Amino acid sequence: MNGNSVLLDTNIVLYLLSGDEVLSSLLYNRKIYISFISQLELLGYKDITVQDRDEIRTFLDECIIIDINTKIKEEVIKIRRSVRIKLPDSIILATSQYLNVPVISSDSDFGRVEEANVIYYEKE
């Protein structure tokens, strides 16, 4: 992967969809990956409106969705054995490691995983 590629955590996608212009400019012309788990979290929200669903799908169509595979599963297992972290977060971190690209997140729990390549973003 080149230095222009990033994986987005679910919270970052939500910030983008809510109109965060700083984040939007930071991601301009980057190759954007999304874990299947973020796709499920975004589209599986109980109170999602039709308009929100359509907006999320349009955004996801512009991204590369990464499904689970054996290598990601192995990384998830390593992460979960070493650190107490939520399963969805460990899948996203393992996906980042699999792709060898940083994950952008505002989730401080990601910092507990030593080998994680995380770019932290604080919403203004």
C-alpha atoms as a PDB file:
ATOM      1  CA  MET A   1       0.000   0.000   0.000  1.00  0.00           C
ATOM      2  CA  ASN A   2       1.197   3.496  -0.592  1.00  0.00           C
ATOM      3  CA  GLY A   3       1.253   6.395   1.852  1.00  0.00           C
ATOM      4  CA  ASN A   4      -1.893   7.836   0.337  1.00  0.00           C
ATOM      5  CA  SER A   5      -4.126   5.026   1.647  1.00  0.00           C
ATOM      6  CA  VAL A   6      -6.044   4.989   4.935  1.00  0.00           C
ATOM      7  CA  LEU A   7      -8.613   2.870   6.718  1.00  0.00           C
ATOM      8  CA  LEU A   8     -11.436   4.788   8.377  1.00  0.00           C
ATOM      9  CA  ASP A   9     -12.976   3.847  11.688  1.00  0.00           C
ATOM     10  CA  THR A  10     -16.759   4.076  11.919  1.00  0.00           C
ATOM     11  CA  ASN A  11     -16.646   7.279  13.990  1.00  0.00           C
ATOM     12  CA  ILE A  12     -14.601   9.020  11.301  1.00  0.00           C
ATOM     13  CA  VAL A  13     -17.153   8.109   8.636  1.00  0.00           C
ATOM     14  CA  LEU A  14     -19.886   9.563  10.853  1.00  0.00           C
ATOM     15  CA  TYR A  15     -17.903  12.800  11.224  1.00  0.00           C
ATOM     16  CA  LEU A  16     -17.450  12.997   7.460  1.00  0.00           C
ATOM     17  CA  LEU A  17     -21.135  12.382   6.811  1.00  0.00           C
ATOM     18  CA  SER A  18     -22.040  15.100   9.318  1.00  0.00           C
ATOM     19  CA  GLY A  19     -20.040  17.620   7.271  1.00  0.00           C
ATOM     20  CA  ASP A  20     -16.642  17.787   9.003  1.00  0.00           C
ATOM     21  CA  GLU A  21     -14.759  19.953   6.481  1.00  0.00           C
ATOM     22  CA  VAL A  22     -11.353  19.640   8.176  1.00  0.00           C
ATOM     23  CA  LEU A  23     -11.529  15.873   7.962  1.00  0.00           C
ATOM     24  CA  SER A  24     -12.839  16.028   4.418  1.00  0.00           C
ATOM     25  CA  SER A  25      -9.871  18.124   3.303  1.00  0.00           C
ATOM     26  CA  LEU A  26      -7.428  15.782   5.078  1.00  0.00           C
ATOM     27  CA  LEU A  27      -8.855  12.816   3.164  1.00  0.00           C
ATOM     28  CA  TYR A  28      -9.060  14.524  -0.213  1.00  0.00           C
ATOM     29  CA  ASN A  29      -7.488  12.372  -2.965  1.00  0.00           C
ATOM     30  CA  ARG A  30      -6.697   9.514  -0.592  1.00  0.00           C
ATOM     31  CA  LYS A  31      -7.491   5.869  -1.232  1.00  0.00           C
ATOM     32  CA  ILE A  32     -10.060   5.080   1.454  1.00  0.00           C
ATOM     33  CA  TYR A  33     -10.625   1.636   2.885  1.00  0.00           C
ATOM     34  CA  ILE A  34     -13.493   0.640   5.165  1.00  0.00           C
ATOM     35  CA  SER A  35     -13.782  -2.584   7.138  1.00  0.00           C
ATOM     36  CA  PHE A  36     -16.912  -4.623   6.572  1.00  0.00           C
ATOM     37  CA  ILE A  37     -17.570  -4.164  10.293  1.00  0.00           C
ATOM     38  CA  SER A  38     -17.900  -0.381   9.833  1.00  0.00           C
ATOM     39  CA  GLN A  39     -20.215  -0.997   6.898  1.00  0.00           C
ATOM     40  CA  LEU A  40     -22.410  -3.161   9.158  1.00  0.00           C
ATOM     41  CA  GLU A  41     -22.308  -0.633  12.000  1.00  0.00           C
ATOM     42  CA  LEU A  42     -23.237   2.256   9.718  1.00  0.00           C
ATOM     43  CA  LEU A  43     -26.077   0.536   7.878  1.00  0.00           C
ATOM     44  CA  GLY A  44     -27.298  -1.510  10.843  1.00  0.00           C
ATOM     45  CA  TYR A  45     -28.219   1.402  13.086  1.00  0.00           C
ATOM     46  CA  LYS A  46     -31.764   0.812  14.315  1.00  0.00           C
ATOM     47  CA  ASP A  47     -33.130   4.328  13.752  1.00  0.00           C
ATOM     48  CA  ILE A  48     -31.478   4.994  10.401  1.00  0.00           C
ATOM     49  CA  THR A  49     -33.600   7.010   7.976  1.00  0.00           C
ATOM     50  CA  VAL A  50     -33.927   6.216   4.281  1.00  0.00           C
ATOM     51  CA  GLN A  51     -32.039   9.431   3.499  1.00  0.00           C
ATOM     52  CA  ASP A  52     -29.213   8.501   5.910  1.00  0.00           C
ATOM     53  CA  ARG A  53     -29.029   4.987   4.473  1.00  0.00           C
ATOM     54  CA  ASP A  54     -28.783   6.347   0.928  1.00  0.00           C
ATOM     55  CA  GLU A  55     -26.100   8.848   1.958  1.00  0.00           C
ATOM     56  CA  ILE A  56     -24.081   6.116   3.699  1.00  0.00           C
ATOM     57  CA  ARG A  57     -24.375   3.795   0.697  1.00  0.00           C
ATOM     58  CA  THR A  58     -23.266   6.554  -1.664  1.00  0.00           C
ATOM     59  CA  PHE A  59     -20.223   7.190   0.533  1.00  0.00           C
ATOM     60  CA  LEU A  60     -19.408   3.485   0.830  1.00  0.00           C
ATOM     61  CA  ASP A  61     -19.599   3.105  -2.943  1.00  0.00           C
ATOM     62  CA  GLU A  62     -16.606   5.459  -3.136  1.00  0.00           C
ATOM     63  CA  CYS A  63     -14.578   3.352  -0.688  1.00  0.00           C
ATOM     64  CA  ILE A  64     -12.931  -0.045  -0.857  1.00  0.00           C
ATOM     65  CA  ILE A  65     -14.716  -2.387   1.548  1.00  0.00           C
ATOM     66  CA  ILE A  66     -12.469  -5.047   3.086  1.00  0.00           C
ATOM     67  CA  ASP A  67     -14.170  -8.280   4.090  1.00  0.00           C
ATOM     68  CA  ILE A  68     -12.901 -10.650   6.747  1.00  0.00           C
ATOM     69  CA  ASN A  69     -10.326 -13.232   5.698  1.00  0.00           C
ATOM     70  CA  THR A  70      -8.029 -15.732   7.389  1.00  0.00           C
ATOM     71  CA  LYS A  71      -5.168 -13.273   7.912  1.00  0.00           C
ATOM     72  CA  ILE A  72      -7.459 -10.681   9.481  1.00  0.00           C
ATOM     73  CA  LYS A  73      -8.969 -13.355  11.733  1.00  0.00           C
ATOM     74  CA  GLU A  74      -5.488 -14.369  12.909  1.00  0.00           C
ATOM     75  CA  GLU A  75      -4.663 -10.737  13.727  1.00  0.00           C
ATOM     76  CA  VAL A  76      -7.970 -10.298  15.586  1.00  0.00           C
ATOM     77  CA  ILE A  77      -7.154 -13.324  17.715  1.00  0.00           C
ATOM     78  CA  LYS A  78      -3.678 -11.938  18.539  1.00  0.00           C
ATOM     79  CA  ILE A  79      -5.116  -8.551  19.453  1.00  0.00           C
ATOM     80  CA  ARG A  80      -7.914  -9.999  21.598  1.00  0.00           C
ATOM     81  CA  ARG A  81      -5.477 -12.273  23.436  1.00  0.00           C
ATOM     82  CA  SER A  82      -3.157  -9.401  24.284  1.00  0.00           C
ATOM     83  CA  VAL A  83      -5.543  -6.517  25.029  1.00  0.00           C
ATOM     84  CA  ARG A  84      -9.074  -6.171  26.288  1.00  0.00           C
ATOM     85  CA  ILE A  85     -10.753  -4.386  23.406  1.00  0.00           C
ATOM     86  CA  LYS A  86     -14.163  -4.636  21.730  1.00  0.00           C
ATOM     87  CA  LEU A  87     -14.448  -7.166  18.924  1.00  0.00           C
ATOM     88  CA  PRO A  88     -15.449  -4.592  16.252  1.00  0.00           C
ATOM     89  CA  ASP A  89     -12.459  -2.420  17.197  1.00  0.00           C
ATOM     90  CA  SER A  90     -10.090  -5.386  17.057  1.00  0.00           C
ATOM     91  CA  ILE A  91     -11.412  -6.272  13.581  1.00  0.00           C
ATOM     92  CA  ILE A  92     -10.806  -2.720  12.368  1.00  0.00           C
ATOM     93  CA  LEU A  93      -7.279  -2.684  13.828  1.00  0.00           C
ATOM     94  CA  ALA A  94      -6.519  -6.101  12.348  1.00  0.00           C
ATOM     95  CA  THR A  95      -7.757  -4.874   8.972  1.00  0.00           C
ATOM     96  CA  SER A  96      -5.388  -1.912   9.222  1.00  0.00           C
ATOM     97  CA  GLN A  97      -2.509  -4.273   9.951  1.00  0.00           C
ATOM     98  CA  TYR A  98      -3.519  -6.593   7.115  1.00  0.00           C
ATOM     99  CA  LEU A  99      -3.582  -3.674   4.644  1.00  0.00           C
ATOM    100  CA  ASN A 100      -0.460  -2.111   6.157  1.00  0.00           C
ATOM    101  CA  VAL A 101      -2.154   1.293   6.242  1.00  0.00           C
ATOM    102  CA  PRO A 102      -2.966   3.570   9.172  1.00  0.00           C
ATOM    103  CA  VAL A 103      -6.451   3.651  10.615  1.00  0.00           C
ATOM    104  CA  ILE A 104      -7.940   7.064  11.357  1.00  0.00           C
ATOM    105  CA  SER A 105     -10.019   7.045  14.522  1.00  0.00           C
ATOM    106  CA  SER A 106     -11.082   9.126  17.476  1.00  0.00           C
ATOM    107  CA  ASP A 107     -11.268   6.005  19.661  1.00  0.00           C
ATOM    108  CA  SER A 108      -8.628   6.171  22.401  1.00  0.00           C
ATOM    109  CA  ASP A 109      -8.976   2.404  23.009  1.00  0.00           C
ATOM    110  CA  PHE A 110      -6.980   1.821  19.826  1.00  0.00           C
ATOM    111  CA  GLY A 111      -3.890   3.120  21.626  1.00  0.00           C
ATOM    112  CA  ARG A 112      -3.873   0.082  23.874  1.00  0.00           C
ATOM    113  CA  VAL A 113      -2.753  -2.071  20.958  1.00  0.00           C
ATOM    114  CA  GLU A 114       0.999  -1.540  20.790  1.00  0.00           C
ATOM    115  CA  GLU A 115       1.529  -2.463  17.145  1.00  0.00           C
ATOM    116  CA  ALA A 116      -1.434  -0.396  15.936  1.00  0.00           C
ATOM    117  CA  ASN A 117      -0.797   2.266  13.318  1.00  0.00           C
ATOM    118  CA  VAL A 118      -3.395   4.848  14.349  1.00  0.00           C
ATOM    119  CA  ILE A 119      -3.896   8.452  13.348  1.00  0.00           C
ATOM    120  CA  TYR A 120      -6.007  10.030  16.070  1.00  0.00           C
ATOM    121  CA  TYR A 121      -8.524  12.650  15.062  1.00  0.00           C
ATOM    122  CA  GLU A 122     -10.302  14.931  17.494  1.00  0.00           C
ATOM    123  CA  LYS A 123     -13.451  16.559  16.226  1.00  0.00           C
ATOM    124  CA  GLU A 124     -13.424  20.292  16.805  1.00  0.00           C
END
